[in-house]
Amino acid sequence: MKTKEDVLKNLENVMHPAINFSLVKLGIVKDIILENNTAKVIFALPFPNIPILYDLVFSVSQPILNMGLKFEYETSLMSEEEKARFLQLEAEGWKGTN
């Protein structure tokens, strides 16, 4: 039986496409709820309507599906504290040119 820790371990290598950190480290993957062979991932977004949402969802879904689990997700907005941490990590890990 898969555990939440198993899923998190598999997601630790899912990187943000523009920031040199994983979605887990950035706080975008906020929580995982395992129930009935389904992993429901809670995504915390720094801003509403981010244009790469479905890219992020797809990149997280693949390792989960490869584990033999079903995948569901929901989104929420980061708290101000979570967003401040995200923005700090974004500044540190930004892959683009300044």
C-alpha atoms as a PDB file:
ATOM      1  CA  MET A   1       0.000   0.000   0.000  1.00  0.00           C
ATOM      2  CA  LYS A   2       1.341   3.406  -0.976  1.00  0.00           C
ATOM      3  CA  THR A   3       1.734   6.092   1.680  1.00  0.00           C
ATOM      4  CA  LYS A   4       1.656   9.862   1.540  1.00  0.00           C
ATOM      5  CA  GLU A   5       5.425   9.781   2.144  1.00  0.00           C
ATOM      6  CA  ASP A   6       5.893   7.496  -0.890  1.00  0.00           C
ATOM      7  CA  VAL A   7       4.007   9.966  -3.075  1.00  0.00           C
ATOM      8  CA  LEU A   8       5.896  12.971  -1.691  1.00  0.00           C
ATOM      9  CA  LYS A   9       9.215  11.229  -2.281  1.00  0.00           C
ATOM     10  CA  ASN A  10       8.250  10.659  -5.926  1.00  0.00           C
ATOM     11  CA  LEU A  11       7.238  14.294  -6.313  1.00  0.00           C
ATOM     12  CA  GLU A  12      10.430  15.750  -4.803  1.00  0.00           C
ATOM     13  CA  ASN A  13      12.061  15.665  -8.238  1.00  0.00           C
ATOM     14  CA  VAL A  14       9.233  17.405 -10.101  1.00  0.00           C
ATOM     15  CA  MET A  15      10.816  20.744 -10.887  1.00  0.00           C
ATOM     16  CA  HIS A  16       9.177  24.069 -11.631  1.00  0.00           C
ATOM     17  CA  PRO A  17       9.815  24.892 -15.300  1.00  0.00           C
ATOM     18  CA  ALA A  18      11.207  28.389 -14.590  1.00  0.00           C
ATOM     19  CA  ILE A  19      12.564  28.081 -11.040  1.00  0.00           C
ATOM     20  CA  ASN A  20      15.414  25.807  -9.975  1.00  0.00           C
ATOM     21  CA  PHE A  21      13.397  24.194  -7.160  1.00  0.00           C
ATOM     22  CA  SER A  22      10.859  21.400  -6.939  1.00  0.00           C
ATOM     23  CA  LEU A  23       7.144  22.085  -6.671  1.00  0.00           C
ATOM     24  CA  VAL A  24       7.269  20.485  -3.219  1.00  0.00           C
ATOM     25  CA  LYS A  25      10.047  22.812  -1.988  1.00  0.00           C
ATOM     26  CA  LEU A  26       8.280  25.847  -3.460  1.00  0.00           C
ATOM     27  CA  GLY A  27       5.127  24.940  -1.535  1.00  0.00           C
ATOM     28  CA  ILE A  28       3.062  24.561  -4.690  1.00  0.00           C
ATOM     29  CA  VAL A  29       2.393  20.929  -3.791  1.00  0.00           C
ATOM     30  CA  LYS A  30       0.840  21.752  -0.441  1.00  0.00           C
ATOM     31  CA  ASP A  31      -0.700  18.452   0.593  1.00  0.00           C
ATOM     32  CA  ILE A  32      -1.538  14.962  -0.591  1.00  0.00           C
ATOM     33  CA  ILE A  33      -4.607  13.055   0.524  1.00  0.00           C
ATOM     34  CA  LEU A  34      -4.549   9.308  -0.129  1.00  0.00           C
ATOM     35  CA  GLU A  35      -7.867   7.527  -0.189  1.00  0.00           C
ATOM     36  CA  ASN A  36      -9.142   4.482  -2.102  1.00  0.00           C
ATOM     37  CA  ASN A  37      -6.020   4.183  -4.287  1.00  0.00           C
ATOM     38  CA  THR A  38      -6.379   7.849  -5.276  1.00  0.00           C
ATOM     39  CA  ALA A  39      -3.860  10.588  -4.576  1.00  0.00           C
ATOM     40  CA  LYS A  40      -5.527  13.965  -4.345  1.00  0.00           C
ATOM     41  CA  VAL A  41      -2.924  16.717  -4.597  1.00  0.00           C
ATOM     42  CA  ILE A  42      -3.651  20.117  -3.135  1.00  0.00           C
ATOM     43  CA  PHE A  43      -1.882  22.785  -5.163  1.00  0.00           C
ATOM     44  CA  ALA A  44      -1.257  26.122  -3.451  1.00  0.00           C
ATOM     45  CA  LEU A  45      -0.790  28.863  -6.015  1.00  0.00           C
ATOM     46  CA  PRO A  46       0.895  32.189  -5.347  1.00  0.00           C
ATOM     47  CA  PHE A  47      -1.533  34.027  -7.656  1.00  0.00           C
ATOM     48  CA  PRO A  48      -4.918  33.235  -9.200  1.00  0.00           C
ATOM     49  CA  ASN A  49      -5.079  32.177 -12.860  1.00  0.00           C
ATOM     50  CA  ILE A  50      -1.416  31.297 -13.320  1.00  0.00           C
ATOM     51  CA  PRO A  51      -0.860  30.432 -16.992  1.00  0.00           C
ATOM     52  CA  ILE A  52       1.201  27.278 -16.362  1.00  0.00           C
ATOM     53  CA  LEU A  53      -1.267  25.620 -13.988  1.00  0.00           C
ATOM     54  CA  TYR A  54      -2.074  22.723 -16.295  1.00  0.00           C
ATOM     55  CA  ASP A  55       1.625  22.138 -17.032  1.00  0.00           C
ATOM     56  CA  LEU A  56       2.233  21.890 -13.286  1.00  0.00           C
ATOM     57  CA  VAL A  57      -0.742  19.564 -12.809  1.00  0.00           C
ATOM     58  CA  PHE A  58       0.439  17.332 -15.657  1.00  0.00           C
ATOM     59  CA  SER A  59       4.006  17.173 -14.336  1.00  0.00           C
ATOM     60  CA  VAL A  60       2.713  16.087 -10.909  1.00  0.00           C
ATOM     61  CA  SER A  61       0.145  13.646 -12.272  1.00  0.00           C
ATOM     62  CA  GLN A  62       2.645  11.530 -14.197  1.00  0.00           C
ATOM     63  CA  PRO A  63       4.714  10.185 -11.264  1.00  0.00           C
ATOM     64  CA  ILE A  64       1.494   9.499  -9.345  1.00  0.00           C
ATOM     65  CA  LEU A  65      -0.083   7.608 -12.240  1.00  0.00           C
ATOM     66  CA  ASN A  66       3.198   5.700 -12.691  1.00  0.00           C
ATOM     67  CA  MET A  67       2.844   4.550  -9.069  1.00  0.00           C
ATOM     68  CA  GLY A  68      -0.440   2.883 -10.020  1.00  0.00           C
ATOM     69  CA  LEU A  69      -2.564   5.465  -8.228  1.00  0.00           C
ATOM     70  CA  LYS A  70      -5.444   7.507  -9.556  1.00  0.00           C
ATOM     71  CA  PHE A  71      -4.891  11.252  -9.600  1.00  0.00           C
ATOM     72  CA  GLU A  72      -7.133  14.119  -8.540  1.00  0.00           C
ATOM     73  CA  TYR A  73      -6.308  17.674  -7.623  1.00  0.00           C
ATOM     74  CA  GLU A  74      -7.680  20.891  -6.261  1.00  0.00           C
ATOM     75  CA  THR A  75      -6.203  24.342  -6.087  1.00  0.00           C
ATOM     76  CA  SER A  76      -6.070  27.012  -3.444  1.00  0.00           C
ATOM     77  CA  LEU A  77      -4.204  30.269  -3.022  1.00  0.00           C
ATOM     78  CA  MET A  78      -1.138  30.523  -0.839  1.00  0.00           C
ATOM     79  CA  SER A  79      -1.354  32.433   2.410  1.00  0.00           C
ATOM     80  CA  GLU A  80       0.648  35.666   2.549  1.00  0.00           C
ATOM     81  CA  GLU A  81       3.377  33.841   4.496  1.00  0.00           C
ATOM     82  CA  GLU A  82       3.508  30.982   1.972  1.00  0.00           C
ATOM     83  CA  LYS A  83       3.576  33.474  -0.908  1.00  0.00           C
ATOM     84  CA  ALA A  84       6.451  35.419   0.673  1.00  0.00           C
ATOM     85  CA  ARG A  85       8.453  32.185   1.006  1.00  0.00           C
ATOM     86  CA  PHE A  86       7.635  31.248  -2.598  1.00  0.00           C
ATOM     87  CA  LEU A  87       8.721  34.662  -3.893  1.00  0.00           C
ATOM     88  CA  GLN A  88      11.989  34.436  -1.962  1.00  0.00           C
ATOM     89  CA  LEU A  89      12.736  30.998  -3.441  1.00  0.00           C
ATOM     90  CA  GLU A  90      11.668  32.230  -6.876  1.00  0.00           C
ATOM     91  CA  ALA A  91      14.217  35.059  -6.658  1.00  0.00           C
ATOM     92  CA  GLU A  92      16.944  32.619  -5.569  1.00  0.00           C
ATOM     93  CA  GLY A  93      16.196  29.969  -8.159  1.00  0.00           C
ATOM     94  CA  TRP A  94      14.965  31.891 -11.206  1.00  0.00           C
ATOM     95  CA  LYS A  95      16.354  30.288 -14.379  1.00  0.00           C
ATOM     96  CA  GLY A  96      15.697  33.237 -16.710  1.00  0.00           C
ATOM     97  CA  THR A  97      17.809  36.286 -17.280  1.00  0.00           C
ATOM     98  CA  ASN A  98      17.387  39.347 -15.093  1.00  0.00           C
END
